[in-house]
Amino acid sequence: MSTSAMTIFSYLVSELMSENFREPEIMTVLIRNLLLTTKQNAPYLAWSLHYIIGFSFVLIYVTLWQNHKLKANIQSGMFLGAVSGIFGIIGWYFTLIIHPNLPVLNLKNFFILLFFAHIVFGIFSVVGYILVKKLTDNVKR
């Protein structure tokens, strides 16, 4: 849910700014430019990677919430999203500087978008966590 919300946010901002900040599409270009043998599979690999990374972040969040390191609320979702945004920016930065064949991309605007997209991610992570917790707490074990 959170990765989808973040992705929708990125697609909407991309449309509004008339620039491509769509993470899975940028990943597809990077993969196509790097691994010439997987051009057809690049979109599948990019989207899979996008969701695997998102799932990994959510696992960390859930661990923090379940171990009571942070309270599961919108504020902690925004905080975790902001921290994840910083890690996301760092990850993208290093990926882009070592990549031999980059797509054209306004890095400043992309990194700003990434930061806010991760806050959206964090908010939807906590909303999803609370919903699942409420549903599963009502299930008899």
Protein backbone atom coordinates (compact mmCIF):
# COMPACT_ATOMS: atom_id res chain seq x y z
CA MET A 1 0.00 0.00 0.00
CA SER A 2 2.75 2.46 0.95
CA THR A 3 4.90 1.79 -2.12
CA SER A 4 1.85 2.19 -4.34
CA ALA A 5 0.89 5.48 -2.65
CA MET A 6 4.44 6.79 -3.03
CA THR A 7 4.51 5.76 -6.67
CA ILE A 8 1.17 7.41 -7.40
CA PHE A 9 2.48 10.58 -5.72
CA SER A 10 5.61 10.48 -7.91
CA TYR A 11 3.52 9.97 -11.05
CA LEU A 12 1.22 12.87 -10.14
CA VAL A 13 4.12 15.23 -9.42
CA SER A 14 5.78 14.12 -12.66
CA GLU A 15 2.65 15.08 -14.58
CA LEU A 16 2.30 18.42 -12.77
CA MET A 17 5.97 19.34 -13.32
CA SER A 18 6.22 17.83 -16.81
CA GLU A 19 9.33 15.89 -15.76
CA ASN A 20 9.92 12.18 -15.29
CA PHE A 21 10.33 11.46 -11.59
CA ARG A 22 8.69 8.04 -11.87
CA GLU A 23 11.07 5.83 -9.92
CA PRO A 24 10.20 2.52 -11.63
CA GLU A 25 10.57 4.09 -15.08
CA ILE A 26 13.94 5.61 -14.17
CA MET A 27 15.04 2.23 -12.78
CA THR A 28 13.91 0.61 -16.04
CA VAL A 29 16.10 2.98 -18.06
CA LEU A 30 19.05 2.36 -15.74
CA ILE A 31 18.65 -1.41 -16.04
CA ARG A 32 18.22 -1.25 -19.82
CA ASN A 33 21.32 0.92 -20.18
CA LEU A 34 23.38 -1.36 -17.97
CA LEU A 35 22.22 -4.88 -18.77
CA LEU A 36 21.77 -5.05 -22.50
CA THR A 37 20.58 -8.67 -22.39
CA THR A 38 17.55 -7.89 -20.23
CA LYS A 39 15.95 -5.04 -22.18
CA GLN A 40 12.61 -6.85 -22.40
CA ASN A 41 12.62 -7.78 -18.73
CA ALA A 42 13.88 -4.43 -17.45
CA PRO A 43 10.43 -3.05 -16.50
CA TYR A 44 9.58 -6.22 -14.56
CA LEU A 45 12.91 -6.15 -12.77
CA ALA A 46 12.58 -2.41 -12.01
CA TRP A 47 9.04 -2.69 -10.62
CA SER A 48 10.00 -5.78 -8.59
CA LEU A 49 13.02 -4.01 -7.15
CA HIS A 50 10.89 -0.94 -6.35
CA TYR A 51 8.41 -3.04 -4.34
CA ILE A 52 11.11 -5.19 -2.68
CA ILE A 53 12.86 -2.05 -1.42
CA GLY A 54 9.55 -0.64 -0.20
CA PHE A 55 8.70 -3.91 1.55
CA SER A 56 12.11 -3.87 3.24
CA PHE A 57 11.49 -0.37 4.61
CA VAL A 58 8.05 -1.43 5.89
CA LEU A 59 9.58 -4.44 7.67
CA ILE A 60 11.90 -2.07 9.54
CA TYR A 61 8.99 0.23 10.43
CA VAL A 62 6.84 -2.66 11.67
CA THR A 63 9.70 -3.95 13.79
CA LEU A 64 10.08 -0.52 15.41
CA TRP A 65 6.34 -0.24 16.05
CA GLN A 66 5.93 -3.78 17.38
CA ASN A 67 8.94 -3.45 19.68
CA HIS A 68 7.51 -0.16 20.94
CA LYS A 69 10.58 1.81 19.85
CA LEU A 70 8.13 4.23 18.20
CA LYS A 71 4.40 4.67 18.57
CA ALA A 72 2.49 3.75 15.43
CA ASN A 73 0.98 7.12 14.50
CA ILE A 74 1.09 9.65 11.66
CA GLN A 75 4.00 11.51 13.26
CA SER A 76 6.18 8.40 13.42
CA GLY A 77 5.14 7.52 9.87
CA MET A 78 6.23 10.95 8.68
CA PHE A 79 9.47 10.72 10.67
CA LEU A 80 10.31 7.25 9.34
CA GLY A 81 9.36 8.39 5.84
CA ALA A 82 11.69 11.39 6.12
CA VAL A 83 14.56 9.19 7.35
CA SER A 84 13.84 6.70 4.56
CA GLY A 85 13.78 9.60 2.13
CA ILE A 86 17.29 10.57 3.16
CA PHE A 87 18.46 6.97 2.70
CA GLY A 88 16.60 6.81 -0.61
CA ILE A 89 18.28 9.98 -1.85
CA ILE A 90 21.70 8.64 -0.82
CA GLY A 91 21.00 5.33 -2.55
CA TRP A 92 19.81 6.99 -5.73
CA TYR A 93 22.73 9.43 -5.67
CA PHE A 94 25.33 6.68 -5.54
CA THR A 95 23.44 4.58 -8.07
CA LEU A 96 23.35 7.50 -10.47
CA ILE A 97 26.98 8.57 -10.04
CA ILE A 98 28.35 5.07 -10.66
CA HIS A 99 26.01 4.26 -13.55
CA PRO A 100 27.85 4.46 -16.88
CA ASN A 101 24.86 5.58 -18.98
CA LEU A 102 22.46 7.88 -17.15
CA PRO A 103 19.06 9.06 -18.31
CA VAL A 104 18.48 12.81 -18.47
CA LEU A 105 17.20 13.79 -15.05
CA ASN A 106 16.92 17.00 -13.01
CA LEU A 107 18.63 15.62 -9.89
CA LYS A 108 17.78 18.50 -7.57
CA ASN A 109 14.06 18.26 -8.28
CA PHE A 110 14.19 14.45 -8.28
CA PHE A 111 15.79 14.36 -4.84
CA ILE A 112 13.27 16.88 -3.45
CA LEU A 113 10.45 14.75 -4.83
CA LEU A 114 12.02 11.59 -3.36
CA PHE A 115 12.09 13.14 0.08
CA PHE A 116 8.39 14.05 0.02
CA ALA A 117 7.41 10.81 -1.72
CA HIS A 118 8.98 8.91 1.17
CA ILE A 119 6.97 10.93 3.67
CA VAL A 120 3.85 9.84 1.76
CA PHE A 121 5.27 6.31 1.96
CA GLY A 122 5.69 6.60 5.74
CA ILE A 123 2.17 7.94 6.27
CA PHE A 124 0.61 5.13 4.25
CA SER A 125 2.83 2.59 6.03
CA VAL A 126 1.45 3.55 9.41
CA VAL A 127 -2.14 3.69 8.08
CA GLY A 128 -1.70 0.19 6.63
CA TYR A 129 -0.10 -1.06 9.85
CA ILE A 130 -2.95 0.28 11.99
CA LEU A 131 -5.60 -1.16 9.66
CA VAL A 132 -3.98 -4.60 9.58
CA LYS A 133 -3.47 -4.52 13.35
CA LYS A 134 -7.14 -3.69 13.95
CA LEU A 135 -8.27 -6.45 11.59
CA THR A 136 -5.94 -9.08 13.04
CA ASP A 137 -6.59 -8.11 16.68
CA ASN A 138 -10.25 -9.03 16.12
CA VAL A 139 -9.36 -12.48 14.80
CA LYS A 140 -9.63 -15.26 17.39
CA ARG A 141 -6.47 -17.28 17.74
